[in-house]
Full PDB file with SEQRES, HELIX, SHEET, SSBOND, CRYST1, ORIGX, SCALE, CONECT and MASTER records, all heavy atoms in Angstrom:
SEQRES   1 A   31  THR SER GLN ALA ASP ALA GLU ARG PHE LEU GLY HIS GLY          
SEQRES   2 A   31  PRO ALA PRO LEU ARG VAL VAL ALA PHE GLU ALA ALA TRP          
SEQRES   3 A   31  LEU SER ARG VAL ARG                                          
HELIX    1 AA1 GLN A    3  LEU A   10  1                                   8    
HELIX    2 AA2 ALA A   24  TRP A   26  5                                   3    
HELIX    3 AA3 LEU A   27  VAL A   30  1                                   4    
CRYST1    1.000    1.000    1.000  90.00  90.00  90.00 P 1           1          
ORIGX1      1.000000  0.000000  0.000000        0.00000                         
ORIGX2      0.000000  1.000000  0.000000        0.00000                         
ORIGX3      0.000000  0.000000  1.000000        0.00000                         
SCALE1      1.000000  0.000000  0.000000        0.00000                         
SCALE2      0.000000  1.000000  0.000000        0.00000                         
SCALE3      0.000000  0.000000  1.000000        0.00000                         
ATOM      1  N   THR A   1       0.832  -1.205   0.000  1.00  0.00           N  
ATOM      2  CA  THR A   1       0.000   0.000   0.000  1.00  0.00           C  
ATOM      3  C   THR A   1       0.868   1.257   0.000  1.00  0.00           C  
ATOM      4  O   THR A   1       1.750   1.408   0.853  1.00  0.00           O  
ATOM      5  CB  THR A   1      -0.944   0.016   1.216  1.00  0.00           C  
ATOM      6  OG1 THR A   1      -1.768  -1.149   1.165  1.00  0.00           O  
ATOM      7  CG2 THR A   1      -1.823   1.256   1.218  1.00  0.00           C  
ATOM      8  N   SER A   2       0.591   2.139  -0.937  1.00  0.00           N  
ATOM      9  CA  SER A   2       1.322   3.408  -1.007  1.00  0.00           C  
ATOM     10  C   SER A   2       0.857   4.330   0.115  1.00  0.00           C  
ATOM     11  O   SER A   2      -0.270   4.214   0.617  1.00  0.00           O  
ATOM     12  CB  SER A   2       1.096   4.083  -2.358  1.00  0.00           C  
ATOM     13  OG  SER A   2      -0.235   4.565  -2.462  1.00  0.00           O  
ATOM     14  N   GLN A   3       1.715   5.257   0.487  1.00  0.00           N  
ATOM     15  CA  GLN A   3       1.361   6.238   1.514  1.00  0.00           C  
ATOM     16  C   GLN A   3       0.166   7.072   1.053  1.00  0.00           C  
ATOM     17  O   GLN A   3      -0.741   7.362   1.833  1.00  0.00           O  
ATOM     18  CB  GLN A   3       2.565   7.137   1.830  1.00  0.00           C  
ATOM     19  CG  GLN A   3       2.310   8.088   2.974  1.00  0.00           C  
ATOM     20  CD  GLN A   3       2.051   7.384   4.301  1.00  0.00           C  
ATOM     21  OE1 GLN A   3       2.551   6.288   4.561  1.00  0.00           O  
ATOM     22  NE2 GLN A   3       1.242   7.998   5.150  1.00  0.00           N  
ATOM     23  N   ALA A   4       0.145   7.433  -0.230  1.00  0.00           N  
ATOM     24  CA  ALA A   4      -0.961   8.234  -0.763  1.00  0.00           C  
ATOM     25  C   ALA A   4      -2.290   7.486  -0.645  1.00  0.00           C  
ATOM     26  O   ALA A   4      -3.307   8.070  -0.244  1.00  0.00           O  
ATOM     27  CB  ALA A   4      -0.686   8.619  -2.217  1.00  0.00           C  
ATOM     28  N   ASP A   5      -2.299   6.190  -0.980  1.00  0.00           N  
ATOM     29  CA  ASP A   5      -3.542   5.409  -0.864  1.00  0.00           C  
ATOM     30  C   ASP A   5      -3.939   5.234   0.596  1.00  0.00           C  
ATOM     31  O   ASP A   5      -5.127   5.292   0.926  1.00  0.00           O  
ATOM     32  CB  ASP A   5      -3.397   4.047  -1.542  1.00  0.00           C  
ATOM     33  CG  ASP A   5      -3.546   4.120  -3.047  1.00  0.00           C  
ATOM     34  OD1 ASP A   5      -4.034   5.147  -3.572  1.00  0.00           O  
ATOM     35  OD2 ASP A   5      -3.181   3.137  -3.719  1.00  0.00           O  
ATOM     36  N   ALA A   6      -2.975   5.021   1.462  1.00  0.00           N  
ATOM     37  CA  ALA A   6      -3.281   4.873   2.892  1.00  0.00           C  
ATOM     38  C   ALA A   6      -3.950   6.146   3.404  1.00  0.00           C  
ATOM     39  O   ALA A   6      -4.976   6.081   4.101  1.00  0.00           O  
ATOM     40  CB  ALA A   6      -2.023   4.565   3.684  1.00  0.00           C  
ATOM     41  N   GLU A   7      -3.418   7.303   3.058  1.00  0.00           N  
ATOM     42  CA  GLU A   7      -4.006   8.562   3.513  1.00  0.00           C  
ATOM     43  C   GLU A   7      -5.363   8.798   2.873  1.00  0.00           C  
ATOM     44  O   GLU A   7      -6.298   9.246   3.538  1.00  0.00           O  
ATOM     45  CB  GLU A   7      -3.052   9.715   3.218  1.00  0.00           C  
ATOM     46  CG  GLU A   7      -1.823   9.685   4.101  1.00  0.00           C  
ATOM     47  CD  GLU A   7      -0.804  10.755   3.757  1.00  0.00           C  
ATOM     48  OE1 GLU A   7      -1.076  11.621   2.903  1.00  0.00           O  
ATOM     49  OE2 GLU A   7       0.284  10.721   4.366  1.00  0.00           O  
ATOM     50  N   ARG A   8      -5.499   8.487   1.590  1.00  0.00           N  
ATOM     51  CA  ARG A   8      -6.760   8.722   0.876  1.00  0.00           C  
ATOM     52  C   ARG A   8      -7.904   7.871   1.427  1.00  0.00           C  
ATOM     53  O   ARG A   8      -9.013   8.354   1.632  1.00  0.00           O  
ATOM     54  CB  ARG A   8      -6.567   8.417  -0.609  1.00  0.00           C  
ATOM     55  CG  ARG A   8      -7.824   8.556  -1.414  1.00  0.00           C  
ATOM     56  CD  ARG A   8      -7.582   8.260  -2.878  1.00  0.00           C  
ATOM     57  NE  ARG A   8      -8.842   8.299  -3.613  1.00  0.00           N  
ATOM     58  CZ  ARG A   8      -9.028   7.738  -4.769  1.00  0.00           C  
ATOM     59  NH1 ARG A   8      -8.044   7.114  -5.381  1.00  0.00           N  
ATOM     60  NH2 ARG A   8     -10.207   7.805  -5.359  1.00  0.00           N  
ATOM     61  N   PHE A   9      -7.630   6.604   1.681  1.00  0.00           N  
ATOM     62  CA  PHE A   9      -8.700   5.675   2.060  1.00  0.00           C  
ATOM     63  C   PHE A   9      -8.792   5.401   3.561  1.00  0.00           C  
ATOM     64  O   PHE A   9      -9.842   4.996   4.047  1.00  0.00           O  
ATOM     65  CB  PHE A   9      -8.529   4.345   1.322  1.00  0.00           C  
ATOM     66  CG  PHE A   9      -8.714   4.453  -0.159  1.00  0.00           C  
ATOM     67  CD1 PHE A   9      -7.624   4.555  -1.001  1.00  0.00           C  
ATOM     68  CD2 PHE A   9      -9.988   4.472  -0.712  1.00  0.00           C  
ATOM     69  CE1 PHE A   9      -7.795   4.658  -2.380  1.00  0.00           C  
ATOM     70  CE2 PHE A   9     -10.176   4.579  -2.082  1.00  0.00           C  
ATOM     71  CZ  PHE A   9      -9.074   4.678  -2.915  1.00  0.00           C  
ATOM     72  N   LEU A  10      -7.684   5.567   4.281  1.00  0.00           N  
ATOM     73  CA  LEU A  10      -7.655   5.186   5.695  1.00  0.00           C  
ATOM     74  C   LEU A  10      -7.427   6.371   6.625  1.00  0.00           C  
ATOM     75  O   LEU A  10      -7.520   6.214   7.840  1.00  0.00           O  
ATOM     76  CB  LEU A  10      -6.572   4.124   5.928  1.00  0.00           C  
ATOM     77  CG  LEU A  10      -6.725   2.856   5.075  1.00  0.00           C  
ATOM     78  CD1 LEU A  10      -5.496   1.971   5.200  1.00  0.00           C  
ATOM     79  CD2 LEU A  10      -7.982   2.102   5.469  1.00  0.00           C  
ATOM     80  N   GLY A  11      -7.108   7.535   6.072  1.00  0.00           N  
ATOM     81  CA  GLY A  11      -6.906   8.733   6.874  1.00  0.00           C  
ATOM     82  C   GLY A  11      -5.476   8.877   7.350  1.00  0.00           C  
ATOM     83  O   GLY A  11      -4.592   8.082   7.015  1.00  0.00           O  
ATOM     84  N   HIS A  12      -5.256   9.917   8.164  1.00  0.00           N  
ATOM     85  CA  HIS A  12      -3.902  10.237   8.626  1.00  0.00           C  
ATOM     86  C   HIS A  12      -3.579   9.634   9.983  1.00  0.00           C  
ATOM     87  O   HIS A  12      -2.428   9.502  10.340  1.00  0.00           O  
ATOM     88  CB  HIS A  12      -3.714  11.760   8.686  1.00  0.00           C  
ATOM     89  CG  HIS A  12      -3.804  12.400   7.335  1.00  0.00           C  
ATOM     90  ND1 HIS A  12      -2.781  12.367   6.423  1.00  0.00           N  
ATOM     91  CD2 HIS A  12      -4.821  13.071   6.730  1.00  0.00           C  
ATOM     92  CE1 HIS A  12      -3.144  12.989   5.327  1.00  0.00           C  
ATOM     93  NE2 HIS A  12      -4.387  13.435   5.475  1.00  0.00           N  
ATOM     94  N   GLY A  13      -4.592   9.269  10.741  1.00  0.00           N  
ATOM     95  CA  GLY A  13      -4.363   8.713  12.073  1.00  0.00           C  
ATOM     96  C   GLY A  13      -4.102   7.222  11.998  1.00  0.00           C  
ATOM     97  O   GLY A  13      -3.826   6.675  10.924  1.00  0.00           O  
ATOM     98  N   PRO A  14      -4.206   6.554  13.142  1.00  0.00           N  
ATOM     99  CA  PRO A  14      -4.021   5.099  13.123  1.00  0.00           C  
ATOM    100  C   PRO A  14      -5.123   4.452  12.284  1.00  0.00           C  
ATOM    101  O   PRO A  14      -6.306   4.729  12.473  1.00  0.00           O  
ATOM    102  CB  PRO A  14      -4.116   4.690  14.585  1.00  0.00           C  
ATOM    103  CG  PRO A  14      -4.693   5.856  15.301  1.00  0.00           C  
ATOM    104  CD  PRO A  14      -4.494   7.077  14.454  1.00  0.00           C  
ATOM    105  N   ALA A  15      -4.710   3.650  11.340  1.00  0.00           N  
ATOM    106  CA  ALA A  15      -5.659   3.026  10.416  1.00  0.00           C  
ATOM    107  C   ALA A  15      -6.399   1.881  11.094  1.00  0.00           C  
ATOM    108  O   ALA A  15      -5.826   1.175  11.926  1.00  0.00           O  
ATOM    109  CB  ALA A  15      -4.923   2.501   9.188  1.00  0.00           C  
ATOM    110  N   PRO A  16      -7.674   1.697  10.733  1.00  0.00           N  
ATOM    111  CA  PRO A  16      -8.383   0.515  11.227  1.00  0.00           C  
ATOM    112  C   PRO A  16      -7.742  -0.736  10.636  1.00  0.00           C  
ATOM    113  O   PRO A  16      -7.079  -0.665   9.594  1.00  0.00           O  
ATOM    114  CB  PRO A  16      -9.805   0.708  10.711  1.00  0.00           C  
ATOM    115  CG  PRO A  16      -9.656   1.588   9.513  1.00  0.00           C  
ATOM    116  CD  PRO A  16      -8.475   2.473   9.793  1.00  0.00           C  
ATOM    117  N   LEU A  17      -7.932  -1.870  11.293  1.00  0.00           N  
ATOM    118  CA  LEU A  17      -7.422  -3.117  10.726  1.00  0.00           C  
ATOM    119  C   LEU A  17      -8.056  -3.380   9.371  1.00  0.00           C  
ATOM    120  O   LEU A  17      -7.416  -3.888   8.454  1.00  0.00           O  
ATOM    121  CB  LEU A  17      -7.704  -4.284  11.667  1.00  0.00           C  
ATOM    122  CG  LEU A  17      -6.968  -4.260  12.990  1.00  0.00           C  
ATOM    123  CD1 LEU A  17      -7.408  -5.430  13.857  1.00  0.00           C  
ATOM    124  CD2 LEU A  17      -5.471  -4.296  12.766  1.00  0.00           C  
ATOM    125  N   ARG A  18      -9.328  -3.026   9.249  1.00  0.00           N  
ATOM    126  CA  ARG A  18     -10.088  -3.303   8.035  1.00  0.00           C  
ATOM    127  C   ARG A  18     -11.217  -2.299   7.934  1.00  0.00           C  
ATOM    128  O   ARG A  18     -11.755  -1.855   8.953  1.00  0.00           O  
ATOM    129  CB  ARG A  18     -10.680  -4.720   8.138  1.00  0.00           C  
ATOM    130  CG  ARG A  18     -11.075  -5.325   6.852  1.00  0.00           C  
ATOM    131  CD  ARG A  18      -9.857  -5.889   6.151  1.00  0.00           C  
ATOM    132  NE  ARG A  18     -10.232  -6.481   4.892  1.00  0.00           N  
ATOM    133  CZ  ARG A  18      -9.396  -6.582   3.889  1.00  0.00           C  
ATOM    134  NH1 ARG A  18      -8.172  -6.151   3.988  1.00  0.00           N  
ATOM    135  NH2 ARG A  18      -9.780  -7.132   2.770  1.00  0.00           N  
ATOM    136  N   VAL A  19     -11.575  -1.938   6.726  1.00  0.00           N  
ATOM    137  CA  VAL A  19     -12.774  -1.159   6.468  1.00  0.00           C  
ATOM    138  C   VAL A  19     -13.762  -2.104   5.800  1.00  0.00           C  
ATOM    139  O   VAL A  19     -13.389  -2.857   4.889  1.00  0.00           O  
ATOM    140  CB  VAL A  19     -12.499   0.058   5.564  1.00  0.00           C  
ATOM    141  CG1 VAL A  19     -13.802   0.743   5.165  1.00  0.00           C  
ATOM    142  CG2 VAL A  19     -11.559   1.038   6.258  1.00  0.00           C  
ATOM    143  N   VAL A  20     -14.996  -2.090   6.252  1.00  0.00           N  
ATOM    144  CA  VAL A  20     -16.072  -2.864   5.642  1.00  0.00           C  
ATOM    145  C   VAL A  20     -17.143  -1.849   5.243  1.00  0.00           C  
ATOM    146  O   VAL A  20     -17.711  -1.177   6.100  1.00  0.00           O  
ATOM    147  CB  VAL A  20     -16.645  -3.925   6.594  1.00  0.00           C  
ATOM    148  CG1 VAL A  20     -17.817  -4.657   5.950  1.00  0.00           C  
ATOM    149  CG2 VAL A  20     -15.555  -4.917   7.010  1.00  0.00           C  
ATOM    150  N   ALA A  21     -17.362  -1.715   3.932  1.00  0.00           N  
ATOM    151  CA  ALA A  21     -18.307  -0.725   3.414  1.00  0.00           C  
ATOM    152  C   ALA A  21     -19.427  -1.432   2.656  1.00  0.00           C  
ATOM    153  O   ALA A  21     -19.178  -2.374   1.899  1.00  0.00           O  
ATOM    154  CB  ALA A  21     -17.577   0.244   2.493  1.00  0.00           C  
ATOM    155  N   PHE A  22     -20.659  -0.963   2.884  1.00  0.00           N  
ATOM    156  CA  PHE A  22     -21.807  -1.536   2.179  1.00  0.00           C  
ATOM    157  C   PHE A  22     -22.845  -0.442   1.975  1.00  0.00           C  
ATOM    158  O   PHE A  22     -22.776   0.635   2.584  1.00  0.00           O  
ATOM    159  CB  PHE A  22     -22.394  -2.738   2.938  1.00  0.00           C  
ATOM    160  CG  PHE A  22     -22.751  -2.452   4.366  1.00  0.00           C  
ATOM    161  CD1 PHE A  22     -23.989  -1.902   4.697  1.00  0.00           C  
ATOM    162  CD2 PHE A  22     -21.855  -2.729   5.388  1.00  0.00           C  
ATOM    163  CE1 PHE A  22     -24.323  -1.636   6.013  1.00  0.00           C  
ATOM    164  CE2 PHE A  22     -22.182  -2.460   6.710  1.00  0.00           C  
ATOM    165  CZ  PHE A  22     -23.422  -1.917   7.023  1.00  0.00           C  
ATOM    166  N   GLU A  23     -23.811  -0.722   1.121  1.00  0.00           N  
ATOM    167  CA  GLU A  23     -24.842   0.248   0.787  1.00  0.00           C  
ATOM    168  C   GLU A  23     -25.785   0.509   1.957  1.00  0.00           C  
ATOM    169  O   GLU A  23     -26.131  -0.418   2.708  1.00  0.00           O  
ATOM    170  CB  GLU A  23     -25.676  -0.246  -0.393  1.00  0.00           C  
ATOM    171  CG  GLU A  23     -24.922  -0.289  -1.690  1.00  0.00           C  
ATOM    172  CD  GLU A  23     -25.743  -0.896  -2.814  1.00  0.00           C  
ATOM    173  OE1 GLU A  23     -26.390  -1.945  -2.600  1.00  0.00           O  
ATOM    174  OE2 GLU A  23     -25.736  -0.301  -3.904  1.00  0.00           O  
ATOM    175  N   ALA A  24     -26.267   1.741   2.049  1.00  0.00           N  
ATOM    176  CA  ALA A  24     -27.221   2.119   3.094  1.00  0.00           C  
ATOM    177  C   ALA A  24     -28.480   1.261   3.031  1.00  0.00           C  
ATOM    178  O   ALA A  24     -29.083   0.972   4.072  1.00  0.00           O  
ATOM    179  CB  ALA A  24     -27.572   3.602   2.964  1.00  0.00           C  
ATOM    180  N   ALA A  25     -28.857   0.822   1.847  1.00  0.00           N  
ATOM    181  CA  ALA A  25     -30.056  -0.015   1.698  1.00  0.00           C  
ATOM    182  C   ALA A  25     -29.930  -1.324   2.472  1.00  0.00           C  
ATOM    183  O   ALA A  25     -30.941  -1.961   2.772  1.00  0.00           O  
ATOM    184  CB  ALA A  25     -30.311  -0.303   0.218  1.00  0.00           C  
ATOM    185  N   TRP A  26     -28.723  -1.726   2.825  1.00  0.00           N  
ATOM    186  CA  TRP A  26     -28.491  -2.980   3.556  1.00  0.00           C  
ATOM    187  C   TRP A  26     -28.376  -2.774   5.067  1.00  0.00           C  
ATOM    188  O   TRP A  26     -28.294  -3.744   5.815  1.00  0.00           O  
ATOM    189  CB  TRP A  26     -27.223  -3.654   3.036  1.00  0.00           C  
ATOM    190  CG  TRP A  26     -27.477  -4.420   1.791  1.00  0.00           C  
ATOM    191  CD1 TRP A  26     -27.472  -3.943   0.501  1.00  0.00           C  
ATOM    192  CD2 TRP A  26     -27.803  -5.793   1.699  1.00  0.00           C  
ATOM    193  NE1 TRP A  26     -27.782  -4.943  -0.370  1.00  0.00           N  
ATOM    194  CE2 TRP A  26     -27.991  -6.104   0.339  1.00  0.00           C  
ATOM    195  CE3 TRP A  26     -27.972  -6.803   2.639  1.00  0.00           C  
ATOM    196  CZ2 TRP A  26     -28.322  -7.372  -0.102  1.00  0.00           C  
ATOM    197  CZ3 TRP A  26     -28.299  -8.073   2.196  1.00  0.00           C  
ATOM    198  CH2 TRP A  26     -28.471  -8.342   0.836  1.00  0.00           C  
ATOM    199  N   LEU A  27     -28.369  -1.546   5.519  1.00  0.00           N  
ATOM    200  CA  LEU A  27     -28.093  -1.295   6.931  1.00  0.00           C  
ATOM    201  C   LEU A  27     -29.085  -1.992   7.862  1.00  0.00           C  
ATOM    202  O   LEU A  27     -28.674  -2.639   8.835  1.00  0.00           O  
ATOM    203  CB  LEU A  27     -28.062   0.210   7.215  1.00  0.00           C  
ATOM    204  CG  LEU A  27     -27.703   0.603   8.646  1.00  0.00           C  
ATOM    205  CD1 LEU A  27     -26.357   0.022   9.081  1.00  0.00           C  
ATOM    206  CD2 LEU A  27     -27.705   2.126   8.774  1.00  0.00           C  
ATOM    207  N   SER A  28     -30.372  -1.907   7.585  1.00  0.00           N  
ATOM    208  CA  SER A  28     -31.329  -2.552   8.496  1.00  0.00           C  
ATOM    209  C   SER A  28     -31.143  -4.064   8.500  1.00  0.00           C  
ATOM    210  O   SER A  28     -31.235  -4.706   9.547  1.00  0.00           O  
ATOM    211  CB  SER A  28     -32.770  -2.176   8.148  1.00  0.00           C  
ATOM    212  OG  SER A  28     -33.101  -2.639   6.866  1.00  0.00           O  
ATOM    213  N   ARG A  29     -30.861  -4.642   7.357  1.00  0.00           N  
ATOM    214  CA  ARG A  29     -30.636  -6.094   7.304  1.00  0.00           C  
ATOM    215  C   ARG A  29     -29.368  -6.482   8.064  1.00  0.00           C  
ATOM    216  O   ARG A  29     -29.332  -7.510   8.753  1.00  0.00           O  
ATOM    217  CB  ARG A  29     -30.577  -6.555   5.855  1.00  0.00           C  
ATOM    218  CG  ARG A  29     -30.715  -8.037   5.768  1.00  0.00           C  
ATOM    219  CD  ARG A  29     -31.297  -8.516   4.472  1.00  0.00           C  
ATOM    220  NE  ARG A  29     -30.942  -9.920   4.374  1.00  0.00           N  
ATOM    221  CZ  ARG A  29     -30.581 -10.540   3.292  1.00  0.00           C  
ATOM    222  NH1 ARG A  29     -30.559  -9.908   2.150  1.00  0.00           N  
ATOM    223  NH2 ARG A  29     -30.248 -11.794   3.320  1.00  0.00           N  
ATOM    224  N   VAL A  30     -28.319  -5.674   7.951  1.00  0.00           N  
ATOM    225  CA  VAL A  30     -27.089  -5.936   8.713  1.00  0.00           C  
ATOM    226  C   VAL A  30     -27.396  -5.882  10.208  1.00  0.00           C  
ATOM    227  O   VAL A  30     -26.934  -6.724  10.966  1.00  0.00           O  
ATOM    228  CB  VAL A  30     -25.972  -4.942   8.324  1.00  0.00           C  
ATOM    229  CG1 VAL A  30     -24.798  -5.013   9.295  1.00  0.00           C  
ATOM    230  CG2 VAL A  30     -25.502  -5.197   6.893  1.00  0.00           C  
ATOM    231  N   ARG A  31     -28.202  -4.918  10.608  1.00  0.00           N  
ATOM    232  CA  ARG A  31     -28.551  -4.779  12.030  1.00  0.00           C  
ATOM    233  C   ARG A  31     -29.424  -5.923  12.536  1.00  0.00           C  
ATOM    234  O   ARG A  31     -29.342  -6.307  13.694  1.00  0.00           O  
ATOM    235  CB  ARG A  31     -29.287  -3.466  12.259  1.00  0.00           C  
ATOM    236  CG  ARG A  31     -28.416  -2.268  12.238  1.00  0.00           C  
ATOM    237  CD  ARG A  31     -29.219  -1.023  12.582  1.00  0.00           C  
ATOM    238  NE  ARG A  31     -28.330   0.110  12.759  1.00  0.00           N  
ATOM    239  CZ  ARG A  31     -28.623   1.336  12.364  1.00  0.00           C  
ATOM    240  NH1 ARG A  31     -29.777   1.597  11.798  1.00  0.00           N  
ATOM    241  NH2 ARG A  31     -27.763   2.302  12.562  1.00  0.00           N  
TER     242      ARG A  31                                                      
MASTER        0    0    0    3    0    0    0    6  241    1    0    3          
END                                                                             
């Protein structure tokens, strides 16, 4: 992972172990 991609997608602070992204239409089903 490049530094630029890390900053773009994970931010400048401590990065999460993983990002899990899904559509808002699925939020109630996930819950």
